[in-house]
Protein backbone atom coordinates (compact mmCIF):
# COMPACT_ATOMS: atom_id res chain seq x y z
CA MET A 1 -27.60 -35.38 33.89
CA ALA A 2 -26.72 -39.05 33.41
CA ASP A 3 -23.17 -38.43 34.64
CA LEU A 4 -24.45 -36.70 37.77
CA SER A 5 -26.85 -39.54 38.49
CA GLN A 6 -24.12 -42.11 37.98
CA GLU A 7 -21.75 -40.21 40.28
CA THR A 8 -24.45 -40.00 42.96
CA ASN A 9 -25.06 -43.75 42.71
CA GLN A 10 -21.33 -44.42 43.03
CA LEU A 11 -21.10 -42.24 46.13
CA CYS A 12 -24.08 -44.06 47.67
CA PHE A 13 -22.37 -47.36 46.91
CA LEU A 14 -19.18 -46.03 48.52
CA ILE A 15 -21.06 -44.99 51.67
CA ASN A 16 -22.60 -48.46 51.96
CA ALA A 17 -19.23 -50.11 51.39
CA TYR A 18 -17.55 -48.01 54.09
CA ASN A 19 -20.43 -48.80 56.44
CA LYS A 20 -20.05 -52.55 55.95
CA ILE A 21 -16.27 -52.44 56.25
CA GLY A 22 -16.60 -50.42 59.46
CA HIS A 23 -19.02 -52.94 60.93
CA LEU A 24 -16.67 -55.81 60.08
CA LEU A 25 -13.75 -54.02 61.71
CA THR A 26 -15.86 -53.32 64.80
CA GLU A 27 -16.83 -56.98 65.05
CA SER A 28 -13.15 -57.95 64.85
CA GLN A 29 -12.38 -55.33 67.54
CA GLU A 30 -10.09 -53.28 65.29
CA TYR A 31 -11.43 -49.99 66.52
CA ASP A 32 -8.64 -47.75 65.18
CA LYS A 33 -9.12 -49.05 61.65
CA ALA A 34 -12.89 -48.71 61.98
CA ILE A 35 -12.46 -45.08 63.03
CA ARG A 36 -10.42 -44.38 59.89
CA VAL A 37 -13.06 -46.01 57.70
CA TYR A 38 -15.91 -44.11 59.34
CA LYS A 39 -14.03 -40.83 58.91
CA LYS A 40 -13.72 -41.57 55.18
CA MET A 41 -17.43 -42.33 55.12
CA LEU A 42 -18.08 -39.00 56.83
CA LYS A 43 -16.16 -37.14 54.11
CA VAL A 44 -18.32 -38.75 51.42
CA CYS A 45 -21.46 -37.81 53.36
CA TRP A 46 -20.27 -34.21 53.46
CA MET A 47 -19.64 -34.25 49.70
CA GLN A 48 -23.23 -35.40 49.15
CA ALA A 49 -24.77 -33.26 51.91
CA ASP A 50 -26.23 -36.52 53.26
CA THR A 51 -27.26 -35.55 56.78
CA GLN A 52 -28.95 -38.85 57.63
CA ASN A 53 -25.85 -40.92 57.03
CA GLU A 54 -23.71 -38.19 58.60
CA ILE A 55 -25.62 -38.60 61.87
CA ARG A 56 -25.18 -42.39 61.65
CA VAL A 57 -21.44 -41.95 61.18
CA TYR A 58 -21.18 -39.74 64.25
CA GLU A 59 -23.00 -42.41 66.27
CA MET A 60 -20.69 -45.15 64.96
CA LEU A 61 -17.62 -43.04 65.70
CA ALA A 62 -18.83 -42.51 69.25
CA VAL A 63 -19.13 -46.27 69.72
CA GLN A 64 -15.61 -46.81 68.35
CA TYR A 65 -14.12 -44.21 70.68
CA PHE A 66 -16.06 -45.72 73.62
CA TYR A 67 -14.61 -49.20 73.06
CA LYS A 68 -11.13 -48.01 72.08
């Protein structure tokens, strides 16, 4: 159980890290790189069945494609 909890915490940390990196890339107008980061974030959301963050990723991807 402890290993599962630790893995879940690491995946949550990874989602937050991808989110922050994506925002930084968006602010620096590097939309292609931000798209790649958000797609990686989406894969982690799928692994965790995290629908809330999945929806956020789709919204962020839409913004990237709009400005690209």
